[in-house]
Amino acid sequence: CKDCFGPEMFCQACILQCHQCLPLHRIEEWRNGFVYRTTLKSLGMQIQLGHNPGHRCHNPRPSSGDTFVMIDIHSIYEIALDFCGCKTAQIRFKQLLQAHWYPATTTDSQTAATFNVLKHYHLLSFESKVSAYEFYHSLARCTDNTGLSLIKVS
């Protein structure tokens, strides 16, 4: 993990267990003698909103198309996200807000930004007059600076 402290390497099951509360960390995988960038989603992580980390909902409601785009201070991620479908569950955009993720829309959102990245943009826009376009593209470069991979926008 590029965001955790220490150089330790873990198996797939352990990395998923360690990141139940840290679902937006950047992961690298050792394969065939090289380090490759991978995602927690591709390793099998399913994020469940409306319940404590590590606890599954009895009535999960997957996000549209099972692909949800998260914008964080280090990267832009595709995650597998389930909303709580219990009788007492909040509506979807409130579940996102409770996780400190700001949805792009209030209806059937497929994209959200963390409160941290919004605060960071707010400070940069005042201090350096960076535009939203420039800020987003700098995050896209943090995600993949080669320009070979398309960055999801939904």
C-alpha atoms as a PDB file:
ATOM      1  CA  CYS A   1       0.000   0.000   0.000  1.00  0.00           C
ATOM      2  CA  LYS A   2       1.440   3.363  -0.994  1.00  0.00           C
ATOM      3  CA  ASP A   3      -0.480   5.219   1.709  1.00  0.00           C
ATOM      4  CA  CYS A   4       0.151   3.015   4.754  1.00  0.00           C
ATOM      5  CA  PHE A   5       3.235   3.391   6.948  1.00  0.00           C
ATOM      6  CA  GLY A   6       5.872   0.728   6.484  1.00  0.00           C
ATOM      7  CA  PRO A   7       7.225  -1.400   3.635  1.00  0.00           C
ATOM      8  CA  GLU A   8       5.364  -4.609   4.525  1.00  0.00           C
ATOM      9  CA  MET A   9       3.779  -6.741   1.833  1.00  0.00           C
ATOM     10  CA  PHE A  10       0.545  -8.616   2.463  1.00  0.00           C
ATOM     11  CA  CYS A  11      -1.490 -11.295   0.750  1.00  0.00           C
ATOM     12  CA  GLN A  12      -4.782 -10.334  -0.899  1.00  0.00           C
ATOM     13  CA  ALA A  13      -6.952 -11.395   2.064  1.00  0.00           C
ATOM     14  CA  CYS A  14      -4.789  -9.493   4.562  1.00  0.00           C
ATOM     15  CA  ILE A  15      -4.658  -6.314   2.469  1.00  0.00           C
ATOM     16  CA  LEU A  16      -8.455  -6.338   2.218  1.00  0.00           C
ATOM     17  CA  GLN A  17      -8.778  -6.909   5.967  1.00  0.00           C
ATOM     18  CA  CYS A  18      -6.305  -4.101   6.766  1.00  0.00           C
ATOM     19  CA  HIS A  19      -8.166  -1.658   4.520  1.00  0.00           C
ATOM     20  CA  GLN A  20     -11.753  -2.105   5.753  1.00  0.00           C
ATOM     21  CA  CYS A  21     -11.537   1.392   7.274  1.00  0.00           C
ATOM     22  CA  LEU A  22      -9.191   2.766   4.578  1.00  0.00           C
ATOM     23  CA  PRO A  23     -10.982   1.964   1.306  1.00  0.00           C
ATOM     24  CA  LEU A  24      -9.349   4.740  -0.732  1.00  0.00           C
ATOM     25  CA  HIS A  25      -5.714   3.733  -0.359  1.00  0.00           C
ATOM     26  CA  ARG A  26      -3.536   3.139  -3.417  1.00  0.00           C
ATOM     27  CA  ILE A  27      -2.416  -0.481  -3.737  1.00  0.00           C
ATOM     28  CA  GLU A  28       0.504  -2.045  -5.576  1.00  0.00           C
ATOM     29  CA  GLU A  29       0.821  -5.745  -6.334  1.00  0.00           C
ATOM     30  CA  TRP A  30       3.981  -7.818  -6.815  1.00  0.00           C
ATOM     31  CA  ARG A  31       3.558 -10.001  -9.902  1.00  0.00           C
ATOM     32  CA  ASN A  32       6.099 -11.744 -12.140  1.00  0.00           C
ATOM     33  CA  GLY A  33       9.032  -9.877 -10.611  1.00  0.00           C
ATOM     34  CA  PHE A  34       7.512  -6.409 -10.995  1.00  0.00           C
ATOM     35  CA  VAL A  35       5.300  -4.051  -8.985  1.00  0.00           C
ATOM     36  CA  TYR A  36       1.991  -3.242 -10.674  1.00  0.00           C
ATOM     37  CA  ARG A  37      -0.641  -0.742  -9.677  1.00  0.00           C
ATOM     38  CA  THR A  38      -3.938  -2.362  -8.736  1.00  0.00           C
ATOM     39  CA  THR A  39      -7.079  -1.340  -6.878  1.00  0.00           C
ATOM     40  CA  LEU A  40      -8.851  -2.593  -3.814  1.00  0.00           C
ATOM     41  CA  LYS A  41     -11.894  -3.058  -6.039  1.00  0.00           C
ATOM     42  CA  SER A  42     -10.007  -5.446  -8.331  1.00  0.00           C
ATOM     43  CA  LEU A  43      -8.849  -7.359  -5.244  1.00  0.00           C
ATOM     44  CA  GLY A  44     -12.472  -7.844  -4.202  1.00  0.00           C
ATOM     45  CA  MET A  45     -13.214  -4.968  -1.814  1.00  0.00           C
ATOM     46  CA  GLN A  46     -16.889  -4.086  -1.572  1.00  0.00           C
ATOM     47  CA  ILE A  47     -17.596  -0.914   0.423  1.00  0.00           C
ATOM     48  CA  GLN A  48     -20.813  -1.003   2.447  1.00  0.00           C
ATOM     49  CA  LEU A  49     -22.369   2.286   3.533  1.00  0.00           C
ATOM     50  CA  GLY A  50     -24.843   2.586   6.390  1.00  0.00           C
ATOM     51  CA  HIS A  51     -23.084   0.011   8.594  1.00  0.00           C
ATOM     52  CA  ASN A  52     -19.818  -0.145  10.520  1.00  0.00           C
ATOM     53  CA  PRO A  53     -16.741  -1.063   8.444  1.00  0.00           C
ATOM     54  CA  GLY A  54     -16.473  -4.814   7.986  1.00  0.00           C
ATOM     55  CA  HIS A  55     -20.191  -5.404   8.593  1.00  0.00           C
ATOM     56  CA  ARG A  56     -22.413  -6.340   5.673  1.00  0.00           C
ATOM     57  CA  CYS A  57     -25.967  -5.188   5.140  1.00  0.00           C
ATOM     58  CA  HIS A  58     -28.702  -7.826   4.966  1.00  0.00           C
ATOM     59  CA  ASN A  59     -30.274  -5.894   2.090  1.00  0.00           C
ATOM     60  CA  PRO A  60     -27.419  -4.199   0.148  1.00  0.00           C
ATOM     61  CA  ARG A  61     -28.252  -1.959  -2.795  1.00  0.00           C
ATOM     62  CA  PRO A  62     -25.351  -1.732  -5.288  1.00  0.00           C
ATOM     63  CA  SER A  63     -24.556   1.584  -6.918  1.00  0.00           C
ATOM     64  CA  SER A  64     -25.645   1.949 -10.526  1.00  0.00           C
ATOM     65  CA  GLY A  65     -23.595  -0.333 -12.752  1.00  0.00           C
ATOM     66  CA  ASP A  66     -21.545  -1.492  -9.752  1.00  0.00           C
ATOM     67  CA  THR A  67     -19.011   1.231 -10.539  1.00  0.00           C
ATOM     68  CA  PHE A  68     -18.761   4.316  -8.387  1.00  0.00           C
ATOM     69  CA  VAL A  69     -16.154   7.026  -8.988  1.00  0.00           C
ATOM     70  CA  MET A  70     -14.497   8.560  -5.920  1.00  0.00           C
ATOM     71  CA  ILE A  71     -12.347  11.677  -6.071  1.00  0.00           C
ATOM     72  CA  ASP A  72      -9.821  11.877  -3.250  1.00  0.00           C
ATOM     73  CA  ILE A  73      -6.770  14.003  -2.562  1.00  0.00           C
ATOM     74  CA  HIS A  74      -4.351  11.364  -3.927  1.00  0.00           C
ATOM     75  CA  SER A  75      -6.259   9.904  -6.820  1.00  0.00           C
ATOM     76  CA  ILE A  76      -9.491   9.229  -8.664  1.00  0.00           C
ATOM     77  CA  TYR A  77     -10.792   5.745  -7.898  1.00  0.00           C
ATOM     78  CA  GLU A  78     -13.364   3.316  -9.164  1.00  0.00           C
ATOM     79  CA  ILE A  79     -14.887   1.506  -6.205  1.00  0.00           C
ATOM     80  CA  ALA A  80     -17.529  -1.170  -5.692  1.00  0.00           C
ATOM     81  CA  LEU A  81     -20.093   0.469  -3.433  1.00  0.00           C
ATOM     82  CA  ASP A  82     -23.231  -0.865  -1.778  1.00  0.00           C
ATOM     83  CA  PHE A  83     -25.789   1.339  -0.105  1.00  0.00           C
ATOM     84  CA  CYS A  84     -27.746   0.141   2.890  1.00  0.00           C
ATOM     85  CA  GLY A  85     -31.211  -1.077   1.961  1.00  0.00           C
ATOM     86  CA  CYS A  86     -32.500  -1.736   5.497  1.00  0.00           C
ATOM     87  CA  LYS A  87     -35.893  -0.350   6.550  1.00  0.00           C
ATOM     88  CA  THR A  88     -34.242   2.308   8.719  1.00  0.00           C
ATOM     89  CA  ALA A  89     -31.628   3.309   6.114  1.00  0.00           C
ATOM     90  CA  GLN A  90     -31.111   6.910   5.078  1.00  0.00           C
ATOM     91  CA  ILE A  91     -31.520   7.883   1.431  1.00  0.00           C
ATOM     92  CA  ARG A  92     -28.408   7.359  -0.699  1.00  0.00           C
ATOM     93  CA  PHE A  93     -27.016  10.875  -0.726  1.00  0.00           C
ATOM     94  CA  LYS A  94     -27.295  11.045   3.072  1.00  0.00           C
ATOM     95  CA  GLN A  95     -25.399   7.743   3.388  1.00  0.00           C
ATOM     96  CA  LEU A  96     -22.617   9.277   1.294  1.00  0.00           C
ATOM     97  CA  LEU A  97     -22.570  12.434   3.422  1.00  0.00           C
ATOM     98  CA  GLN A  98     -22.375  10.352   6.616  1.00  0.00           C
ATOM     99  CA  ALA A  99     -19.215   8.738   5.171  1.00  0.00           C
ATOM    100  CA  HIS A 100     -17.826  12.277   4.547  1.00  0.00           C
ATOM    101  CA  TRP A 101     -18.216  11.840   0.802  1.00  0.00           C
ATOM    102  CA  TYR A 102     -19.956  14.637  -1.085  1.00  0.00           C
ATOM    103  CA  PRO A 103     -22.140  13.273  -3.912  1.00  0.00           C
ATOM    104  CA  ALA A 104     -22.045  14.854  -7.368  1.00  0.00           C
ATOM    105  CA  THR A 105     -25.864  14.765  -7.474  1.00  0.00           C
ATOM    106  CA  THR A 106     -28.607  14.086  -4.972  1.00  0.00           C
ATOM    107  CA  THR A 107     -30.334  11.533  -7.207  1.00  0.00           C
ATOM    108  CA  ASP A 108     -28.634   8.284  -8.242  1.00  0.00           C
ATOM    109  CA  SER A 109     -25.134   9.690  -7.883  1.00  0.00           C
ATOM    110  CA  GLN A 110     -22.307   7.658  -9.427  1.00  0.00           C
ATOM    111  CA  THR A 111     -19.559  10.058  -8.365  1.00  0.00           C
ATOM    112  CA  ALA A 112     -18.527  11.619  -5.065  1.00  0.00           C
ATOM    113  CA  ALA A 113     -15.629  13.625  -3.661  1.00  0.00           C
ATOM    114  CA  THR A 114     -14.187  13.263  -0.189  1.00  0.00           C
ATOM    115  CA  PHE A 115     -14.553  16.195   2.165  1.00  0.00           C
ATOM    116  CA  ASN A 116     -10.718  16.316   2.321  1.00  0.00           C
ATOM    117  CA  VAL A 117     -10.332  16.888  -1.415  1.00  0.00           C
ATOM    118  CA  LEU A 118     -13.040  19.562  -1.353  1.00  0.00           C
ATOM    119  CA  LYS A 119     -11.276  21.376   1.482  1.00  0.00           C
ATOM    120  CA  HIS A 120      -7.964  21.091  -0.382  1.00  0.00           C
ATOM    121  CA  TYR A 121      -9.502  22.540  -3.562  1.00  0.00           C
ATOM    122  CA  HIS A 122     -11.143  25.318  -1.549  1.00  0.00           C
ATOM    123  CA  LEU A 123      -7.769  26.385  -0.106  1.00  0.00           C
ATOM    124  CA  LEU A 124      -5.966  26.113  -3.454  1.00  0.00           C
ATOM    125  CA  SER A 125      -8.635  28.082  -5.286  1.00  0.00           C
ATOM    126  CA  PHE A 126      -8.225  30.980  -2.845  1.00  0.00           C
ATOM    127  CA  GLU A 127      -4.444  30.907  -2.537  1.00  0.00           C
ATOM    128  CA  SER A 128      -3.328  30.005  -6.056  1.00  0.00           C
ATOM    129  CA  LYS A 129      -6.480  30.678  -8.097  1.00  0.00           C
ATOM    130  CA  VAL A 130      -6.459  27.139  -9.496  1.00  0.00           C
ATOM    131  CA  SER A 131      -9.548  26.336 -11.563  1.00  0.00           C
ATOM    132  CA  ALA A 132     -11.692  23.254 -11.021  1.00  0.00           C
ATOM    133  CA  TYR A 133     -10.558  21.978 -14.442  1.00  0.00           C
ATOM    134  CA  GLU A 134      -6.861  22.314 -13.548  1.00  0.00           C
ATOM    135  CA  PHE A 135      -7.392  20.767 -10.123  1.00  0.00           C
ATOM    136  CA  TYR A 136      -9.257  17.761 -11.544  1.00  0.00           C
ATOM    137  CA  HIS A 137      -6.596  17.181 -14.176  1.00  0.00           C
ATOM    138  CA  SER A 138      -3.841  17.360 -11.567  1.00  0.00           C
ATOM    139  CA  LEU A 139      -5.699  14.598  -9.665  1.00  0.00           C
ATOM    140  CA  ALA A 140      -5.970  12.652 -12.919  1.00  0.00           C
ATOM    141  CA  ARG A 141      -2.172  12.924 -13.260  1.00  0.00           C
ATOM    142  CA  CYS A 142      -1.760  11.689  -9.677  1.00  0.00           C
ATOM    143  CA  THR A 143      -3.894   8.699 -10.652  1.00  0.00           C
ATOM    144  CA  ASP A 144      -1.950   7.929 -13.851  1.00  0.00           C
ATOM    145  CA  ASN A 145       0.738  10.293 -15.075  1.00  0.00           C
ATOM    146  CA  THR A 146       1.442   8.276 -18.235  1.00  0.00           C
ATOM    147  CA  GLY A 147      -1.690   9.482 -19.995  1.00  0.00           C
ATOM    148  CA  LEU A 148      -2.334   5.939 -21.219  1.00  0.00           C
ATOM    149  CA  SER A 149      -5.345   5.194 -19.025  1.00  0.00           C
ATOM    150  CA  LEU A 150      -8.626   7.014 -19.331  1.00  0.00           C
ATOM    151  CA  ILE A 151      -9.788   8.613 -16.096  1.00  0.00           C
ATOM    152  CA  LYS A 152     -13.412   7.858 -15.300  1.00  0.00           C
ATOM    153  CA  VAL A 153     -15.859  10.714 -15.160  1.00  0.00           C
ATOM    154  CA  SER A 154     -19.492   9.836 -14.649  1.00  0.00           C
END
